[in-house]
Amino acid sequence: MAKFYKCARKHGNRKTRGKGFTLAELLIVVAIIAVLVAISIPIFTSQLHKARVATDWANLRAYYAEIQADFISTGKYNKKVPYEDKQGSTGFDAFGLKEITFLNGQKVKMQEGRFWVSEDNKQGYSILYDCEKYIADHENHGNACELILGSTSH
């Protein structure tokens, strides 16, 4: 056994002597990693934007369901809901709202956009949501992150 160990050890030393990565090989590996990172960053940020918009949409759908159910049960527009009415503004910001305040007082901040609430022809509410990228450059961004809940005729 001892003889085999010495032989294997000697053989292993001979094999590894003078071996390793050269500077050129390391630079090539670093360059490949840099290219992969440069390709993946825009894809990652795009997916992050979509995830934030999806979160905003989910929160707005829950909010819309709550305020619409309140309207159906009472037949009146709730004063806690900041909506644009025909006579003027009721807590309405021309630049849109950045925070949802549910009827129970819970507040949720929008992550990627703004929304507007308006009357829906005495049938409840309508909500319009646009992401910040759409607001800033709607011609080039397209309406992929626009959401309309309720009637589309305002």
C-alpha atoms as a PDB file:
ATOM      1  CA  MET A   1       0.000   0.000   0.000  1.00  0.00           C
ATOM      2  CA  ALA A   2       2.690   2.467   0.911  1.00  0.00           C
ATOM      3  CA  LYS A   3       4.450   1.907  -2.399  1.00  0.00           C
ATOM      4  CA  PHE A   4       1.249   2.609  -4.354  1.00  0.00           C
ATOM      5  CA  TYR A   5       0.717   5.821  -2.387  1.00  0.00           C
ATOM      6  CA  LYS A   6       4.232   7.057  -3.162  1.00  0.00           C
ATOM      7  CA  CYS A   7       3.822   6.224  -6.814  1.00  0.00           C
ATOM      8  CA  ALA A   8       0.481   7.988  -7.105  1.00  0.00           C
ATOM      9  CA  ARG A   9       1.834  10.974  -5.265  1.00  0.00           C
ATOM     10  CA  LYS A  10       4.880  11.156  -7.490  1.00  0.00           C
ATOM     11  CA  HIS A  11       2.766  10.752 -10.596  1.00  0.00           C
ATOM     12  CA  GLY A  12       0.365  13.491  -9.404  1.00  0.00           C
ATOM     13  CA  ASN A  13       3.219  15.911  -8.807  1.00  0.00           C
ATOM     14  CA  ARG A  14       4.614  15.336 -12.264  1.00  0.00           C
ATOM     15  CA  LYS A  15       1.237  15.952 -13.871  1.00  0.00           C
ATOM     16  CA  THR A  16       0.509  19.212 -12.087  1.00  0.00           C
ATOM     17  CA  ARG A  17       3.960  20.707 -12.373  1.00  0.00           C
ATOM     18  CA  GLY A  18       3.930  23.761 -14.651  1.00  0.00           C
ATOM     19  CA  LYS A  19       0.159  23.626 -15.179  1.00  0.00           C
ATOM     20  CA  GLY A  20      -2.298  26.449 -14.449  1.00  0.00           C
ATOM     21  CA  PHE A  21      -4.203  29.171 -16.225  1.00  0.00           C
ATOM     22  CA  THR A  22      -2.289  31.703 -18.219  1.00  0.00           C
ATOM     23  CA  LEU A  23      -3.092  35.395 -18.047  1.00  0.00           C
ATOM     24  CA  ALA A  24      -4.578  35.276 -21.551  1.00  0.00           C
ATOM     25  CA  GLU A  25      -6.951  32.459 -20.583  1.00  0.00           C
ATOM     26  CA  LEU A  26      -8.093  34.334 -17.490  1.00  0.00           C
ATOM     27  CA  LEU A  27      -8.677  37.516 -19.519  1.00  0.00           C
ATOM     28  CA  ILE A  28     -10.786  35.582 -22.045  1.00  0.00           C
ATOM     29  CA  VAL A  29     -12.929  34.104 -19.260  1.00  0.00           C
ATOM     30  CA  VAL A  30     -13.398  37.555 -17.691  1.00  0.00           C
ATOM     31  CA  ALA A  31     -14.344  39.016 -21.107  1.00  0.00           C
ATOM     32  CA  ILE A  32     -16.928  36.272 -21.683  1.00  0.00           C
ATOM     33  CA  ILE A  33     -18.441  36.872 -18.247  1.00  0.00           C
ATOM     34  CA  ALA A  34     -18.567  40.631 -18.927  1.00  0.00           C
ATOM     35  CA  VAL A  35     -20.431  40.055 -22.222  1.00  0.00           C
ATOM     36  CA  LEU A  36     -22.942  37.755 -20.519  1.00  0.00           C
ATOM     37  CA  VAL A  37     -23.549  40.314 -17.769  1.00  0.00           C
ATOM     38  CA  ALA A  38     -23.959  43.112 -20.337  1.00  0.00           C
ATOM     39  CA  ILE A  39     -26.579  41.033 -22.160  1.00  0.00           C
ATOM     40  CA  SER A  40     -28.464  39.983 -19.033  1.00  0.00           C
ATOM     41  CA  ILE A  41     -28.807  43.411 -17.329  1.00  0.00           C
ATOM     42  CA  PRO A  42     -31.348  44.873 -19.812  1.00  0.00           C
ATOM     43  CA  ILE A  43     -33.338  41.642 -19.739  1.00  0.00           C
ATOM     44  CA  PHE A  44     -33.343  41.672 -15.933  1.00  0.00           C
ATOM     45  CA  THR A  45     -34.456  45.310 -15.701  1.00  0.00           C
ATOM     46  CA  SER A  46     -37.232  44.680 -18.228  1.00  0.00           C
ATOM     47  CA  GLN A  47     -38.491  41.725 -16.195  1.00  0.00           C
ATOM     48  CA  LEU A  48     -38.245  43.778 -12.995  1.00  0.00           C
ATOM     49  CA  HIS A  49     -40.386  46.511 -14.617  1.00  0.00           C
ATOM     50  CA  LYS A  50     -42.996  43.930 -15.660  1.00  0.00           C
ATOM     51  CA  ALA A  51     -43.082  42.444 -12.154  1.00  0.00           C
ATOM     52  CA  ARG A  52     -43.620  45.855 -10.552  1.00  0.00           C
ATOM     53  CA  VAL A  53     -46.398  46.695 -13.029  1.00  0.00           C
ATOM     54  CA  ALA A  54     -48.036  43.331 -12.290  1.00  0.00           C
ATOM     55  CA  THR A  55     -47.918  44.128  -8.561  1.00  0.00           C
ATOM     56  CA  ASP A  56     -49.556  47.507  -9.175  1.00  0.00           C
ATOM     57  CA  TRP A  57     -52.249  45.857 -11.309  1.00  0.00           C
ATOM     58  CA  ALA A  58     -53.016  43.282  -8.615  1.00  0.00           C
ATOM     59  CA  ASN A  59     -53.353  46.005  -5.975  1.00  0.00           C
ATOM     60  CA  LEU A  60     -55.562  48.111  -8.245  1.00  0.00           C
ATOM     61  CA  ARG A  61     -57.820  45.166  -9.071  1.00  0.00           C
ATOM     62  CA  ALA A  62     -58.307  44.505  -5.355  1.00  0.00           C
ATOM     63  CA  TYR A  63     -58.998  48.210  -4.760  1.00  0.00           C
ATOM     64  CA  TYR A  64     -61.426  48.357  -7.697  1.00  0.00           C
ATOM     65  CA  ALA A  65     -63.299  45.301  -6.423  1.00  0.00           C
ATOM     66  CA  GLU A  66     -63.581  46.895  -2.974  1.00  0.00           C
ATOM     67  CA  ILE A  67     -64.818  50.322  -4.106  1.00  0.00           C
ATOM     68  CA  GLN A  68     -67.136  48.824  -6.729  1.00  0.00           C
ATOM     69  CA  ALA A  69     -68.676  46.487  -4.127  1.00  0.00           C
ATOM     70  CA  ASP A  70     -69.137  49.488  -1.801  1.00  0.00           C
ATOM     71  CA  PHE A  71     -70.867  51.421  -4.597  1.00  0.00           C
ATOM     72  CA  ILE A  72     -73.153  48.503  -5.447  1.00  0.00           C
ATOM     73  CA  SER A  73     -74.155  47.977  -1.808  1.00  0.00           C
ATOM     74  CA  THR A  74     -74.797  51.679  -1.025  1.00  0.00           C
ATOM     75  CA  GLY A  75     -75.680  53.116  -4.431  1.00  0.00           C
ATOM     76  CA  LYS A  76     -73.510  56.154  -3.648  1.00  0.00           C
ATOM     77  CA  TYR A  77     -69.972  57.267  -4.347  1.00  0.00           C
ATOM     78  CA  ASN A  78     -67.826  56.957  -1.238  1.00  0.00           C
ATOM     79  CA  LYS A  79     -66.176  60.156   0.015  1.00  0.00           C
ATOM     80  CA  LYS A  80     -63.039  58.182   0.920  1.00  0.00           C
ATOM     81  CA  VAL A  81     -62.409  57.406  -2.760  1.00  0.00           C
ATOM     82  CA  PRO A  82     -60.484  60.176  -4.545  1.00  0.00           C
ATOM     83  CA  TYR A  83     -62.321  60.360  -7.857  1.00  0.00           C
ATOM     84  CA  GLU A  84     -62.787  62.964 -10.533  1.00  0.00           C
ATOM     85  CA  ASP A  85     -66.416  63.959 -10.810  1.00  0.00           C
ATOM     86  CA  LYS A  86     -68.173  66.028 -13.448  1.00  0.00           C
ATOM     87  CA  GLN A  87     -68.197  69.238 -11.371  1.00  0.00           C
ATOM     88  CA  GLY A  88     -64.544  69.255 -10.463  1.00  0.00           C
ATOM     89  CA  SER A  89     -62.082  67.412  -8.368  1.00  0.00           C
ATOM     90  CA  THR A  90     -62.601  65.430  -5.183  1.00  0.00           C
ATOM     91  CA  GLY A  91     -59.116  64.662  -3.868  1.00  0.00           C
ATOM     92  CA  PHE A  92     -57.948  64.160  -7.419  1.00  0.00           C
ATOM     93  CA  ASP A  93     -54.403  64.870  -8.593  1.00  0.00           C
ATOM     94  CA  ALA A  94     -54.023  65.831 -12.269  1.00  0.00           C
ATOM     95  CA  PHE A  95     -50.775  63.852 -12.340  1.00  0.00           C
ATOM     96  CA  GLY A  96     -52.425  60.742 -10.957  1.00  0.00           C
ATOM     97  CA  LEU A  97     -52.291  59.067  -7.597  1.00  0.00           C
ATOM     98  CA  LYS A  98     -49.200  57.236  -6.349  1.00  0.00           C
ATOM     99  CA  GLU A  99     -50.837  55.594  -3.341  1.00  0.00           C
ATOM    100  CA  ILE A 100     -53.949  53.486  -2.880  1.00  0.00           C
ATOM    101  CA  THR A 101     -55.908  54.066   0.314  1.00  0.00           C
ATOM    102  CA  PHE A 102     -58.285  51.175   0.817  1.00  0.00           C
ATOM    103  CA  LEU A 103     -61.606  51.830   2.551  1.00  0.00           C
ATOM    104  CA  ASN A 104     -60.293  50.216   5.751  1.00  0.00           C
ATOM    105  CA  GLY A 105     -57.431  52.757   5.851  1.00  0.00           C
ATOM    106  CA  GLN A 106     -54.672  50.469   4.571  1.00  0.00           C
ATOM    107  CA  LYS A 107     -52.260  52.298   2.258  1.00  0.00           C
ATOM    108  CA  VAL A 108     -50.274  50.761  -0.590  1.00  0.00           C
ATOM    109  CA  LYS A 109     -47.758  52.719  -2.667  1.00  0.00           C
ATOM    110  CA  MET A 110     -47.617  52.252  -6.408  1.00  0.00           C
ATOM    111  CA  GLN A 111     -44.271  50.782  -7.444  1.00  0.00           C
ATOM    112  CA  GLU A 112     -44.149  51.639 -11.115  1.00  0.00           C
ATOM    113  CA  GLY A 113     -46.996  53.954 -12.091  1.00  0.00           C
ATOM    114  CA  ARG A 114     -49.936  56.218 -11.347  1.00  0.00           C
ATOM    115  CA  PHE A 115     -53.701  55.803 -11.447  1.00  0.00           C
ATOM    116  CA  TRP A 116     -56.820  57.883 -11.819  1.00  0.00           C
ATOM    117  CA  VAL A 117     -60.315  57.095 -10.512  1.00  0.00           C
ATOM    118  CA  SER A 118     -63.460  58.538 -12.097  1.00  0.00           C
ATOM    119  CA  GLU A 119     -67.226  58.075 -12.074  1.00  0.00           C
ATOM    120  CA  ASP A 120     -68.501  55.456 -14.476  1.00  0.00           C
ATOM    121  CA  ASN A 121     -71.851  56.862 -15.653  1.00  0.00           C
ATOM    122  CA  LYS A 122     -73.637  56.137 -12.357  1.00  0.00           C
ATOM    123  CA  GLN A 123     -72.504  52.504 -12.583  1.00  0.00           C
ATOM    124  CA  GLY A 124     -69.664  52.805 -10.107  1.00  0.00           C
ATOM    125  CA  TYR A 125     -66.060  53.702 -10.754  1.00  0.00           C
ATOM    126  CA  SER A 126     -63.484  53.478 -13.513  1.00  0.00           C
ATOM    127  CA  ILE A 127     -59.758  53.246 -12.902  1.00  0.00           C
ATOM    128  CA  LEU A 128     -57.028  54.102 -15.394  1.00  0.00           C
ATOM    129  CA  TYR A 129     -53.426  53.074 -14.677  1.00  0.00           C
ATOM    130  CA  ASP A 130     -50.301  54.014 -16.617  1.00  0.00           C
ATOM    131  CA  CYS A 131     -46.725  53.123 -15.722  1.00  0.00           C
ATOM    132  CA  GLU A 132     -44.086  55.850 -15.428  1.00  0.00           C
ATOM    133  CA  LYS A 133     -42.360  54.746 -18.638  1.00  0.00           C
ATOM    134  CA  TYR A 134     -45.637  55.095 -20.544  1.00  0.00           C
ATOM    135  CA  ILE A 135     -46.287  58.549 -19.046  1.00  0.00           C
ATOM    136  CA  ALA A 136     -42.774  59.720 -19.924  1.00  0.00           C
ATOM    137  CA  ASP A 137     -42.607  58.276 -23.459  1.00  0.00           C
ATOM    138  CA  HIS A 138     -45.951  56.775 -24.499  1.00  0.00           C
ATOM    139  CA  GLU A 139     -45.117  56.821 -28.218  1.00  0.00           C
ATOM    140  CA  ASN A 140     -42.118  54.523 -27.858  1.00  0.00           C
ATOM    141  CA  HIS A 141     -43.196  52.494 -24.817  1.00  0.00           C
ATOM    142  CA  GLY A 142     -46.548  51.370 -26.160  1.00  0.00           C
ATOM    143  CA  ASN A 143     -49.515  50.612 -23.936  1.00  0.00           C
ATOM    144  CA  ALA A 144     -48.250  47.309 -22.564  1.00  0.00           C
ATOM    145  CA  CYS A 145     -48.497  48.630 -19.006  1.00  0.00           C
ATOM    146  CA  GLU A 146     -51.793  50.487 -19.297  1.00  0.00           C
ATOM    147  CA  LEU A 147     -54.743  49.119 -17.320  1.00  0.00           C
ATOM    148  CA  ILE A 148     -58.385  50.202 -17.548  1.00  0.00           C
ATOM    149  CA  LEU A 149     -60.897  48.868 -15.032  1.00  0.00           C
ATOM    150  CA  GLY A 150     -64.565  49.657 -15.581  1.00  0.00           C
ATOM    151  CA  SER A 151     -65.981  51.354 -18.609  1.00  0.00           C
ATOM    152  CA  THR A 152     -63.556  52.795 -21.150  1.00  0.00           C
ATOM    153  CA  SER A 153     -65.804  55.786 -21.931  1.00  0.00           C
ATOM    154  CA  HIS A 154     -65.070  58.642 -19.521  1.00  0.00           C
END
